[in-house]
């Protein structure tokens, strides 16, 4: 019985050491991140710039895909009415809302870009 008690006592002191080591590791991560944390916005900006350049090349294809998918949605809605299966109000609203958003993004891209830039800059 004394052997079991000794093992339990050593495990208890070992668990305290584990907690202290864990807290020390967390503290060192916090201390190190105070030096590295200011770099994160610059890394994010570089990643966002490269992503936007990639997506800008895909823009015509994405616009065509958007128009085709909206047209397919209207076709499916029309087919549902032909089969006496009325679409829900939510799906009809979402279809028309997405059609309007795609229309605005296709025909007024600079207006949307200026609006987003003003909102991100804090202007009203």
Protein backbone atom coordinates (compact mmCIF):
# COMPACT_ATOMS: atom_id res chain seq x y z
CA UNK A 1 0.00 0.00 0.00
CA UNK A 2 2.87 2.40 0.67
CA UNK A 3 4.15 1.89 -2.91
CA UNK A 4 0.78 3.04 -4.31
CA UNK A 5 0.81 6.11 -2.08
CA UNK A 6 4.34 7.00 -3.21
CA UNK A 7 3.33 6.69 -6.87
CA UNK A 8 0.27 8.85 -6.28
CA UNK A 9 2.37 11.51 -4.52
CA UNK A 10 4.92 11.55 -7.36
CA UNK A 11 2.14 11.81 -9.97
CA UNK A 12 0.60 14.71 -8.07
CA UNK A 13 3.88 16.65 -8.02
CA UNK A 14 4.41 15.71 -11.69
CA UNK A 15 1.02 17.15 -12.62
CA UNK A 16 1.95 20.42 -10.87
CA UNK A 17 5.11 20.51 -12.93
CA UNK A 18 3.07 19.93 -16.08
CA UNK A 19 0.74 22.81 -15.23
CA UNK A 20 3.67 25.12 -14.51
CA UNK A 21 5.38 24.11 -17.77
CA UNK A 22 2.15 24.71 -19.69
CA UNK A 23 1.71 28.15 -18.17
CA UNK A 24 5.34 28.98 -18.96
CA UNK A 25 4.81 27.92 -22.58
CA UNK A 26 1.69 30.07 -22.90
CA UNK A 27 3.52 33.01 -21.36
CA UNK A 28 6.42 32.65 -23.78
CA UNK A 29 4.02 32.51 -26.74
CA UNK A 30 2.34 35.72 -25.56
CA UNK A 31 5.70 37.42 -25.09
CA UNK A 32 6.95 36.33 -28.51
CA UNK A 33 3.72 37.35 -30.25
CA UNK A 34 4.05 40.89 -28.93
CA UNK A 35 7.07 41.20 -31.23
CA UNK A 36 5.59 39.34 -34.19
CA UNK A 37 1.97 40.46 -33.97
CA UNK A 38 2.48 43.78 -35.80
CA UNK A 39 3.65 41.79 -38.84
CA UNK A 40 0.32 40.00 -39.23
CA UNK A 41 -1.56 42.91 -40.90
CA UNK A 42 1.21 43.23 -43.49
CA UNK A 43 1.13 39.50 -44.20
CA UNK A 44 -2.65 39.61 -44.50
CA UNK A 45 -2.46 42.58 -46.89
CA UNK A 46 0.06 40.79 -49.10
CA UNK A 47 -2.13 37.68 -49.19
CA UNK A 48 -5.25 39.71 -49.96
CA UNK A 49 -3.47 41.57 -52.76
CA UNK A 50 -2.32 38.38 -54.43
CA UNK A 51 -5.77 36.83 -54.04
CA UNK A 52 -7.49 39.86 -55.55
CA UNK A 53 -5.10 39.80 -58.51
CA UNK A 54 -5.96 36.13 -59.07
CA UNK A 55 -9.71 36.70 -58.77
CA UNK A 56 -9.51 39.74 -61.09
CA UNK A 57 -8.28 37.45 -63.85
CA UNK A 58 -11.25 35.12 -63.24
CA UNK A 59 -13.84 37.93 -63.11
CA UNK A 60 -15.28 37.49 -66.64
CA UNK A 61 -15.71 33.76 -66.14
CA UNK A 62 -17.28 34.25 -62.71
CA UNK A 63 -19.73 36.81 -64.11
CA UNK A 64 -20.79 34.46 -66.90
CA UNK A 65 -21.16 31.64 -64.37
CA UNK A 66 -23.29 33.91 -62.15
CA UNK A 67 -25.61 34.84 -65.01
CA UNK A 68 -25.95 31.21 -66.07
CA UNK A 69 -26.74 30.08 -62.53
CA UNK A 70 -29.31 32.86 -62.06
CA UNK A 71 -30.91 31.89 -65.38
CA UNK A 72 -30.95 28.26 -64.26
CA UNK A 73 -32.64 29.32 -61.01
CA UNK A 74 -35.37 31.17 -62.94
CA UNK A 75 -35.79 28.15 -65.21
CA UNK A 76 -36.18 25.82 -62.21
CA UNK A 77 -38.69 28.23 -60.68
CA UNK A 78 -40.67 28.34 -63.93
CA UNK A 79 -40.57 24.53 -64.20
CA UNK A 80 -41.82 24.20 -60.64
CA UNK A 81 -44.83 26.36 -61.52
CA UNK A 82 -45.48 24.20 -64.60
CA UNK A 83 -45.59 21.11 -62.38
CA UNK A 84 -48.06 22.73 -59.96
CA UNK A 85 -45.34 22.88 -57.32
CA UNK A 86 -45.27 26.46 -56.07
CA UNK A 87 -41.83 27.68 -54.88
CA UNK A 88 -41.68 29.17 -51.39
CA UNK A 89 -41.65 32.91 -50.83
CA UNK A 90 -38.15 32.74 -49.36
CA UNK A 91 -36.69 30.97 -52.39
CA UNK A 92 -38.43 33.42 -54.75
CA UNK A 93 -37.15 36.38 -52.73
CA UNK A 94 -33.60 34.98 -52.66
CA UNK A 95 -33.67 34.34 -56.41
CA UNK A 96 -34.77 37.88 -57.21
CA UNK A 97 -32.39 39.38 -54.65
CA UNK A 98 -29.43 37.48 -56.09
CA UNK A 99 -30.47 38.48 -59.62
CA UNK A 100 -30.50 42.15 -58.59
CA UNK A 101 -27.14 41.85 -56.85
CA UNK A 102 -25.56 40.18 -59.90
CA UNK A 103 -27.09 42.85 -62.18
CA UNK A 104 -25.69 45.67 -60.02
CA UNK A 105 -22.25 44.06 -59.79
CA UNK A 106 -22.11 43.56 -63.58
CA UNK A 107 -23.31 46.98 -64.70
CA UNK A 108 -22.09 49.21 -61.85
CA UNK A 109 -18.79 47.75 -60.59
CA UNK A 110 -17.11 51.11 -59.95
CA UNK A 111 -20.04 52.38 -57.88
CA UNK A 112 -19.84 49.25 -55.70
CA UNK A 113 -16.04 49.60 -55.41
CA UNK A 114 -16.35 53.24 -54.31
CA UNK A 115 -19.08 52.34 -51.81
CA UNK A 116 -16.97 49.56 -50.27
CA UNK A 117 -13.88 51.81 -50.17
CA UNK A 118 -15.84 54.55 -48.40
CA UNK A 119 -17.29 52.09 -45.89
CA UNK A 120 -13.86 50.63 -45.11
CA UNK A 121 -12.34 54.11 -44.78
CA UNK A 122 -15.02 55.10 -42.28
CA UNK A 123 -16.66 57.72 -44.49
CA UNK A 124 -20.43 57.95 -44.64
